[in-house]
């Protein structure tokens, strides 16, 4: 699994806005709305893990009752 890009597959449920990237021509009042999680965004692990959990359970894995992040 590519850990650096894994968080990019999480769909954000709440509205998150960020400043436009450097080099992008914009007015000072503009912002970018995110539809997917970015690496470094504090919501990234929270929105990525449920998607990962449902995907891996379709392959027959089940979550450990003692450690939810461990799939057997």
C-alpha atoms as a PDB file:
ATOM      1  CA  UNK A   1       0.000   0.000   0.000  1.00  0.00           C
ATOM      2  CA  UNK A   2       1.246   3.464  -0.850  1.00  0.00           C
ATOM      3  CA  UNK A   3       0.899   5.226   2.514  1.00  0.00           C
ATOM      4  CA  UNK A   4       1.745   8.678   1.148  1.00  0.00           C
ATOM      5  CA  UNK A   5      -1.221   8.553  -1.238  1.00  0.00           C
ATOM      6  CA  UNK A   6      -3.617   6.483   0.883  1.00  0.00           C
ATOM      7  CA  UNK A   7      -5.272   9.487   2.529  1.00  0.00           C
ATOM      8  CA  UNK A   8      -6.125  10.984  -0.867  1.00  0.00           C
ATOM      9  CA  UNK A   9      -8.920   8.421  -1.236  1.00  0.00           C
ATOM     10  CA  UNK A  10     -10.946   9.635   1.742  1.00  0.00           C
ATOM     11  CA  UNK A  11     -14.115  11.571   0.936  1.00  0.00           C
ATOM     12  CA  UNK A  12     -14.632  14.582   3.208  1.00  0.00           C
ATOM     13  CA  UNK A  13     -18.123  14.808   4.709  1.00  0.00           C
ATOM     14  CA  UNK A  14     -17.932  18.313   6.193  1.00  0.00           C
ATOM     15  CA  UNK A  15     -17.001  21.463   4.313  1.00  0.00           C
ATOM     16  CA  UNK A  16     -13.272  22.257   4.407  1.00  0.00           C
ATOM     17  CA  UNK A  17     -11.751  25.302   2.715  1.00  0.00           C
ATOM     18  CA  UNK A  18      -8.058  26.061   2.187  1.00  0.00           C
ATOM     19  CA  UNK A  19      -6.064  28.919   0.748  1.00  0.00           C
ATOM     20  CA  UNK A  20      -5.299  28.558  -2.978  1.00  0.00           C
ATOM     21  CA  UNK A  21      -1.797  27.233  -3.714  1.00  0.00           C
ATOM     22  CA  UNK A  22       1.099  29.585  -4.378  1.00  0.00           C
ATOM     23  CA  UNK A  23       1.376  30.567  -8.013  1.00  0.00           C
ATOM     24  CA  UNK A  24      -2.385  30.337  -8.591  1.00  0.00           C
ATOM     25  CA  UNK A  25      -3.799  33.698  -9.709  1.00  0.00           C
ATOM     26  CA  UNK A  26      -6.679  34.524  -7.350  1.00  0.00           C
ATOM     27  CA  UNK A  27      -8.257  37.365  -5.449  1.00  0.00           C
ATOM     28  CA  UNK A  28      -7.567  37.603  -1.691  1.00  0.00           C
ATOM     29  CA  UNK A  29     -11.184  36.692  -0.873  1.00  0.00           C
ATOM     30  CA  UNK A  30     -11.118  33.345  -2.745  1.00  0.00           C
ATOM     31  CA  UNK A  31     -10.679  29.935  -1.136  1.00  0.00           C
ATOM     32  CA  UNK A  32     -10.638  26.340  -2.421  1.00  0.00           C
ATOM     33  CA  UNK A  33     -13.241  23.834  -1.246  1.00  0.00           C
ATOM     34  CA  UNK A  34     -11.871  20.320  -0.702  1.00  0.00           C
ATOM     35  CA  UNK A  35     -13.843  17.266  -1.768  1.00  0.00           C
ATOM     36  CA  UNK A  36     -11.159  14.733  -0.862  1.00  0.00           C
ATOM     37  CA  UNK A  37      -8.733  14.548   2.027  1.00  0.00           C
ATOM     38  CA  UNK A  38      -5.194  15.806   1.601  1.00  0.00           C
ATOM     39  CA  UNK A  39      -2.096  14.401   3.285  1.00  0.00           C
ATOM     40  CA  UNK A  40      -1.479  16.561   6.348  1.00  0.00           C
ATOM     41  CA  UNK A  41      -5.147  17.492   6.801  1.00  0.00           C
ATOM     42  CA  UNK A  42      -6.206  16.609  10.338  1.00  0.00           C
ATOM     43  CA  UNK A  43      -9.443  15.002   9.089  1.00  0.00           C
ATOM     44  CA  UNK A  44      -7.582  12.718   6.643  1.00  0.00           C
ATOM     45  CA  UNK A  45      -7.185   9.647   8.902  1.00  0.00           C
ATOM     46  CA  UNK A  46     -10.761   9.978  10.168  1.00  0.00           C
ATOM     47  CA  UNK A  47     -12.296   9.926   6.687  1.00  0.00           C
ATOM     48  CA  UNK A  48      -9.872   7.387   5.201  1.00  0.00           C
ATOM     49  CA  UNK A  49     -10.155   4.607   7.794  1.00  0.00           C
ATOM     50  CA  UNK A  50     -13.907   3.882   7.379  1.00  0.00           C
ATOM     51  CA  UNK A  51     -13.422   3.591   3.613  1.00  0.00           C
ATOM     52  CA  UNK A  52     -10.424   1.302   4.134  1.00  0.00           C
ATOM     53  CA  UNK A  53     -12.318  -0.788   6.701  1.00  0.00           C
ATOM     54  CA  UNK A  54     -15.295  -1.438   4.432  1.00  0.00           C
ATOM     55  CA  UNK A  55     -13.026  -2.249   1.504  1.00  0.00           C
ATOM     56  CA  UNK A  56     -10.834  -4.720   3.376  1.00  0.00           C
ATOM     57  CA  UNK A  57     -13.816  -6.512   4.947  1.00  0.00           C
ATOM     58  CA  UNK A  58     -15.119  -7.265   1.452  1.00  0.00           C
ATOM     59  CA  UNK A  59     -11.954  -9.341   0.982  1.00  0.00           C
ATOM     60  CA  UNK A  60     -12.817 -11.491   4.015  1.00  0.00           C
ATOM     61  CA  UNK A  61     -10.791  -9.756   6.710  1.00  0.00           C
ATOM     62  CA  UNK A  62     -12.370  -8.906  10.061  1.00  0.00           C
ATOM     63  CA  UNK A  63     -11.391  -6.314  12.625  1.00  0.00           C
ATOM     64  CA  UNK A  64      -9.817  -7.445  15.886  1.00  0.00           C
ATOM     65  CA  UNK A  65     -12.086  -6.850  18.917  1.00  0.00           C
ATOM     66  CA  UNK A  66      -9.067  -5.668  20.942  1.00  0.00           C
ATOM     67  CA  UNK A  67      -7.409  -3.445  18.356  1.00  0.00           C
ATOM     68  CA  UNK A  68      -9.816  -2.048  15.716  1.00  0.00           C
ATOM     69  CA  UNK A  69      -6.976  -1.067  13.378  1.00  0.00           C
ATOM     70  CA  UNK A  70      -5.800  -4.689  13.134  1.00  0.00           C
ATOM     71  CA  UNK A  71      -7.503  -6.819  10.481  1.00  0.00           C
ATOM     72  CA  UNK A  72      -7.179 -10.606  10.545  1.00  0.00           C
END
